[in-house]
Structures are given as C-alpha cells and as structure tokens.
Amino acid sequence: MVNAKNIGFSRKTQYKPLDMLKFIIARGGRDIPDYAIQDALWPDSDGDVAHNAFTTTLHRLRNMLMTSDALIYREGRVSCNIRIVWADIWELESLCQLMEQHLSERQPIDQIIPLLDGLFALYQGAFIPDDPAEWAIMERQRFRELFIAVIQKTAGRFEQCQQWQRAAQCYRRALNPEPLTEIFYENLMRVYAKMGKSSEVLLVYKQYEAVLRAELGMSPSARIRGLCWGICGKASGSQKPS
C-alpha cells in the first residue's frame, strides 16, 4: 500500500522491479544494503553489471509506484518511506512479536484473543508462493515458521489453562492457511482426546489423510497413524487407519 492506496500490477508489469519490491518488503523495508538486493536478483552478474541493473530497476520501480518518495536510497541502502508505504507482512511480524511478549509475560488470555484474530486475518498462507527464487523460498519458510511457532505457543497456553475448545478452534483455524502442517493435526487430535471426543480424533485424521492424498499423493506417517489408533482404540469400534 502506497499513500493509503493498494498497489496492483498488471500481467505486463516488468518482473524485475516487482521482484525488487518483494525482496525489499520481505526484508523489512529498512536499511537493506544494495549489494544484498543485487546478490538476490542478479546472482550471476559481476559487480558493475549488477549495480547498473540495480540502479535501472530501482528507477523503474519508483515509476511503477507512481511516486519517487516511496523508496529512499541513501549511502548504499534502500528503505521504504514508512510514512507512505505499508505492507501487511510487516504488521504480521510486529503482531507475532507482540503475541510472543504477551505469552511470555503470561498476560490474561482475553488479551490474546483479539491478537489471534488479527493474526488469522493477516496470514493467508504462503508468502509469494509461486516465486522459485532462493531468497523467496527462504522468506516463505521464515514466515511459515513464525506463524506455526506463534500458533503452537498460543494454543499451548489455552491447553495449560484447560481451555480445550479454544485450543481446538485455534488449531482448526490455523489449518485453513496451512492445510499440510502435520503438527496442527497431531495437536488437534490430542486436544480432542483430552475432551473425550474420540470420534473427532478420527475425523481429523481422515481430513489429514484426504488432504495429503489430494495435494501430495501421500499417506499419513506411521507416527500419526499410531497416534490416531492409540487414542481411538479398538474399544471404540473404529477401524484402524491404514
């Protein structure tokens, strides 16, 4: 967002300026060395060639953003002008840090709930999922790990307070943007077990099984199959998952 307006790009947009913008935003938008941008976007180019490409691309990006004030280049470092530029992933990182602080200080759960709602509103899945660049893959994984860690700690806090329904809802909501994250299914199964809902445990397992087969052509690991069977048990009359 620039000057309180969402920035959209057409299919004809030059990809290098857009890649530069993605990289700058992913790295926090402040004091990013120009050589870091050059190494990420032109890894096979020599110093002078890469720097010339960087300078040209920065100029094109400023034109795309329709204001030269959006990006500041000073003393070999690039920053976004935070007075007019905003990115949701910056808010996501700040929110995760705030939640970590609340959890470490054991603030009342009622103060965590609105932060959790905000987290789910911001995190909509993989960051730039179709970008194969090495830096993009690393940033994608970093944001994913950040989200998973905060969800784990938040739901864990609910469990410590024996607020099982809230813990289950937390894991359920987290599966929407991260449907292949096994630890969410595993923990959700454990929570339902503590609630005495063995039928829900089996439904969660079946959900995971269906998602894995549809997305990856795989079956659940022996560990999670064993967890499901261990919770449900033969006494429930459920068929052992295969």
Protein backbone atom coordinates (compact mmCIF):
# COMPACT_ATOMS: atom_id res chain seq x y z
CA MET A 1 0.00 0.00 0.00
CA VAL A 2 1.34 3.43 -1.02
CA ASN A 3 -0.31 6.67 0.09
CA ALA A 4 -3.16 4.63 1.61
CA LYS A 5 -3.92 3.01 -1.76
CA ASN A 6 -3.46 -0.65 -2.64
CA ILE A 7 -0.94 -1.10 -5.41
CA GLY A 8 -1.87 -3.53 -8.15
CA PHE A 9 0.23 -4.69 -11.07
CA SER A 10 -0.88 -5.97 -14.45
CA ARG A 11 0.46 -9.07 -16.13
CA LYS A 12 2.54 -6.82 -18.37
CA THR A 13 4.44 -5.44 -15.37
CA GLN A 14 8.20 -5.92 -15.70
CA TYR A 15 9.13 -8.71 -13.35
CA LYS A 16 12.50 -7.38 -12.10
CA PRO A 17 11.09 -4.23 -10.48
CA LEU A 18 8.37 -6.36 -8.93
CA ASP A 19 10.96 -8.85 -7.65
CA MET A 20 12.89 -5.95 -6.15
CA LEU A 21 9.79 -4.72 -4.36
CA LYS A 22 9.06 -8.19 -2.99
CA PHE A 23 12.61 -8.54 -1.72
CA ILE A 24 12.62 -5.12 -0.05
CA ILE A 25 9.30 -5.80 1.66
CA ALA A 26 10.34 -9.30 2.73
CA ARG A 27 13.49 -7.93 4.35
CA GLY A 28 11.53 -5.48 6.46
CA GLY A 29 11.74 -2.46 4.20
CA ARG A 30 14.51 -0.69 6.11
CA ASP A 31 18.23 -0.20 5.51
CA ILE A 32 18.65 -3.04 3.02
CA PRO A 33 22.17 -2.99 1.51
CA ASP A 34 22.17 -2.56 -2.24
CA TYR A 35 24.60 -5.47 -2.57
CA ALA A 36 22.09 -7.76 -0.85
CA ILE A 37 19.47 -6.83 -3.44
CA GLN A 38 21.99 -7.30 -6.24
CA ASP A 39 23.07 -10.71 -4.96
CA ALA A 40 19.46 -11.85 -4.70
CA LEU A 41 18.21 -10.55 -8.06
CA TRP A 42 21.36 -10.83 -10.19
CA PRO A 43 23.38 -13.64 -8.58
CA ASP A 44 25.28 -14.48 -11.76
CA SER A 45 26.28 -10.92 -12.69
CA ASP A 46 29.56 -9.19 -11.92
CA GLY A 47 29.66 -6.21 -9.54
CA ASP A 48 29.38 -3.34 -12.03
CA VAL A 49 26.83 -5.12 -14.20
CA ALA A 50 24.71 -6.00 -11.17
CA HIS A 51 24.91 -2.47 -9.79
CA ASN A 52 23.87 -0.92 -13.11
CA ALA A 53 20.95 -3.32 -13.30
CA PHE A 54 20.05 -2.43 -9.71
CA THR A 55 20.06 1.32 -10.46
CA THR A 56 17.91 0.91 -13.57
CA THR A 57 15.46 -1.39 -11.81
CA LEU A 58 15.14 0.91 -8.81
CA HIS A 59 14.24 3.77 -11.14
CA ARG A 60 11.62 1.63 -12.89
CA LEU A 61 10.18 0.50 -9.56
CA ARG A 62 9.78 4.08 -8.39
CA ASN A 63 7.89 4.84 -11.59
CA MET A 64 5.66 1.81 -11.04
CA LEU A 65 4.83 3.01 -7.52
CA MET A 66 3.87 6.36 -9.04
CA THR A 67 5.94 8.34 -6.55
CA SER A 68 9.67 8.77 -6.15
CA ASP A 69 9.19 9.26 -2.40
CA ALA A 70 8.13 5.67 -1.77
CA LEU A 71 11.71 4.33 -1.79
CA ILE A 72 14.73 6.01 -0.24
CA TYR A 73 18.22 5.13 -1.49
CA ARG A 74 20.93 6.63 0.64
CA GLU A 75 24.51 5.60 1.41
CA GLY A 76 24.16 2.26 -0.33
CA ARG A 77 20.97 1.26 1.47
CA VAL A 78 17.34 1.08 0.40
CA SER A 79 14.40 1.80 2.68
CA CYS A 80 10.69 2.21 2.21
CA ASN A 81 9.27 5.52 3.27
CA ILE A 82 7.13 4.29 6.17
CA ARG A 83 5.11 7.50 6.11
CA ILE A 84 3.51 6.45 2.83
CA VAL A 85 4.33 2.74 2.40
CA TRP A 86 2.69 -0.09 4.34
CA ALA A 87 2.90 -3.88 3.90
CA ASP A 88 0.79 -6.48 5.65
CA ILE A 89 3.73 -8.78 6.36
CA TRP A 90 5.36 -6.02 8.42
CA GLU A 91 2.24 -5.89 10.54
CA LEU A 92 2.26 -9.69 10.69
CA GLU A 93 5.79 -9.74 12.10
CA SER A 94 5.00 -6.99 14.62
CA LEU A 95 1.87 -8.81 15.71
CA CYS A 96 3.76 -12.08 16.20
CA GLN A 97 6.34 -10.28 18.33
CA LEU A 98 3.57 -8.72 20.42
CA MET A 99 1.88 -12.10 20.91
CA GLU A 100 5.20 -13.66 21.92
CA GLN A 101 5.61 -10.91 24.50
CA HIS A 102 2.10 -11.37 25.88
CA LEU A 103 2.58 -15.11 26.13
CA SER A 104 5.99 -14.89 27.80
CA GLU A 105 4.61 -12.40 30.32
CA ARG A 106 1.56 -14.63 30.84
CA GLN A 107 -0.87 -11.83 30.14
CA PRO A 108 -4.60 -12.68 30.57
CA ILE A 109 -5.96 -14.88 27.81
CA ASP A 110 -8.66 -12.34 26.98
CA GLN A 111 -5.90 -10.03 25.77
CA ILE A 112 -4.55 -12.73 23.45
CA ILE A 113 -7.84 -13.43 21.66
CA PRO A 114 -8.05 -10.21 19.60
CA LEU A 115 -4.37 -10.54 18.67
CA LEU A 116 -5.01 -14.09 17.50
CA ASP A 117 -7.95 -12.92 15.40
CA GLY A 118 -5.67 -10.31 13.85
CA LEU A 119 -3.05 -12.94 13.09
CA PHE A 120 -5.54 -15.11 11.21
CA ALA A 121 -6.73 -12.07 9.27
CA LEU A 122 -3.19 -11.24 8.17
CA TYR A 123 -1.71 -14.68 7.49
CA GLN A 124 -3.37 -16.04 4.36
CA GLY A 125 -0.87 -18.74 3.50
CA ALA A 126 2.49 -18.93 1.79
CA PHE A 127 4.33 -15.68 1.04
CA ILE A 128 4.69 -15.19 -2.75
CA PRO A 129 4.02 -18.94 -3.25
CA ASP A 130 4.86 -19.11 -6.95
CA ASP A 131 8.29 -17.46 -6.76
CA PRO A 132 11.06 -20.07 -7.22
CA ALA A 133 13.94 -17.75 -6.28
CA GLU A 134 16.14 -18.98 -3.44
CA TRP A 135 15.59 -15.84 -1.36
CA ALA A 136 11.82 -16.14 -1.82
CA ILE A 137 11.84 -19.75 -0.68
CA MET A 138 13.81 -18.78 2.44
CA GLU A 139 11.47 -15.91 3.28
CA ARG A 140 8.43 -18.08 2.63
CA GLN A 141 9.74 -20.65 5.08
CA ARG A 142 10.63 -17.98 7.64
CA PHE A 143 7.11 -16.54 7.68
CA ARG A 144 5.61 -20.02 7.82
CA GLU A 145 7.79 -21.00 10.79
CA LEU A 146 6.91 -17.73 12.53
CA PHE A 147 3.19 -18.41 12.12
CA ILE A 148 3.46 -22.03 13.25
CA ALA A 149 5.51 -21.12 16.33
CA VAL A 150 3.03 -18.48 17.50
CA ILE A 151 0.07 -20.79 16.94
CA GLN A 152 1.79 -23.55 18.88
CA LYS A 153 2.52 -21.27 21.82
CA THR A 154 -0.93 -19.70 21.83
CA ALA A 155 -2.82 -22.98 21.63
CA GLY A 156 -0.41 -24.40 24.20
CA ARG A 157 -1.38 -21.60 26.56
CA PHE A 158 -5.05 -22.48 26.06
CA GLU A 159 -4.23 -26.09 26.87
CA GLN A 160 -2.35 -25.13 30.03
CA CYS A 161 -5.47 -23.30 31.17
CA GLN A 162 -7.57 -26.32 30.15
CA GLN A 163 -9.48 -24.23 27.65
CA TRP A 164 -9.75 -27.15 25.28
CA GLN A 165 -12.39 -25.67 22.99
CA ARG A 166 -10.29 -22.57 22.37
CA ALA A 167 -7.22 -24.70 21.72
CA ALA A 168 -9.12 -26.85 19.23
CA GLN A 169 -10.52 -23.79 17.48
CA CYS A 170 -7.03 -22.29 17.27
CA TYR A 171 -5.63 -25.37 15.54
CA ARG A 172 -8.69 -25.64 13.29
CA ARG A 173 -8.34 -22.05 12.11
CA ALA A 174 -4.60 -22.49 11.58
CA LEU A 175 -5.27 -25.35 9.17
CA ASN A 176 -7.04 -23.01 6.75
CA PRO A 177 -3.83 -21.25 5.62
CA GLU A 178 -1.58 -24.24 6.46
CA PRO A 179 -3.52 -27.38 5.47
CA LEU A 180 -0.39 -29.56 5.20
CA THR A 181 1.12 -28.81 8.62
CA GLU A 182 1.11 -32.17 10.39
CA ILE A 183 1.79 -30.79 13.87
CA PHE A 184 -1.54 -28.93 13.80
CA TYR A 185 -3.42 -32.16 13.06
CA GLU A 186 -1.45 -34.02 15.70
CA ASN A 187 -2.10 -31.44 18.40
CA LEU A 188 -5.75 -31.12 17.42
CA MET A 189 -6.13 -34.87 17.81
CA ARG A 190 -4.56 -34.71 21.26
CA VAL A 191 -6.86 -31.87 22.31
CA TYR A 192 -9.95 -33.76 21.18
CA ALA A 193 -8.68 -36.79 23.07
CA LYS A 194 -8.50 -34.70 26.27
CA MET A 195 -12.05 -33.57 25.58
CA GLY A 196 -13.13 -37.21 25.30
CA LYS A 197 -14.07 -36.84 21.64
CA SER A 198 -12.50 -39.90 20.02
CA SER A 199 -14.85 -39.62 17.04
CA GLU A 200 -13.47 -36.13 16.33
CA VAL A 201 -9.94 -37.54 16.54
CA LEU A 202 -10.72 -39.96 13.74
CA LEU A 203 -12.37 -37.23 11.67
CA VAL A 204 -9.24 -35.08 12.00
CA TYR A 205 -7.09 -37.99 10.89
CA LYS A 206 -9.35 -38.63 7.90
CA GLN A 207 -9.18 -34.96 6.98
CA TYR A 208 -5.39 -35.03 7.04
CA GLU A 209 -5.34 -38.25 5.05
CA ALA A 210 -7.56 -36.75 2.35
CA VAL A 211 -5.53 -33.52 2.13
CA LEU A 212 -2.24 -35.40 1.85
CA ARG A 213 -3.52 -37.66 -0.91
CA ALA A 214 -5.07 -34.80 -2.85
CA GLU A 215 -2.12 -32.42 -2.59
CA LEU A 216 0.92 -34.70 -2.45
CA GLY A 217 -0.27 -38.18 -3.34
CA MET A 218 0.96 -39.40 0.05
CA SER A 219 -0.41 -41.16 3.12
CA PRO A 220 -0.01 -40.03 6.75
CA SER A 221 3.13 -41.14 8.55
CA ALA A 222 3.18 -44.25 10.71
CA ARG A 223 3.59 -41.99 13.73
CA ILE A 224 0.35 -40.10 13.25
CA ARG A 225 -1.48 -43.27 12.26
CA GLY A 226 -0.29 -44.79 15.51
CA LEU A 227 -1.41 -41.72 17.43
CA CYS A 228 -4.90 -41.95 15.96
CA TRP A 229 -5.18 -45.64 16.70
CA GLY A 230 -3.76 -45.21 20.18
CA ILE A 231 -6.35 -42.56 21.02
CA CYS A 232 -9.36 -44.16 19.40
CA GLY A 233 -8.52 -47.74 20.34
CA LYS A 234 -10.27 -50.90 19.39
CA ALA A 235 -12.81 -50.39 22.17
CA SER A 236 -14.36 -47.51 20.23
CA GLY A 237 -15.25 -49.83 17.38
CA SER A 238 -13.30 -47.64 14.93
CA GLN A 239 -11.40 -49.28 12.12
CA LYS A 240 -7.63 -48.90 12.47
CA PRO A 241 -6.41 -46.28 9.99
CA SER A 242 -4.32 -47.70 7.17
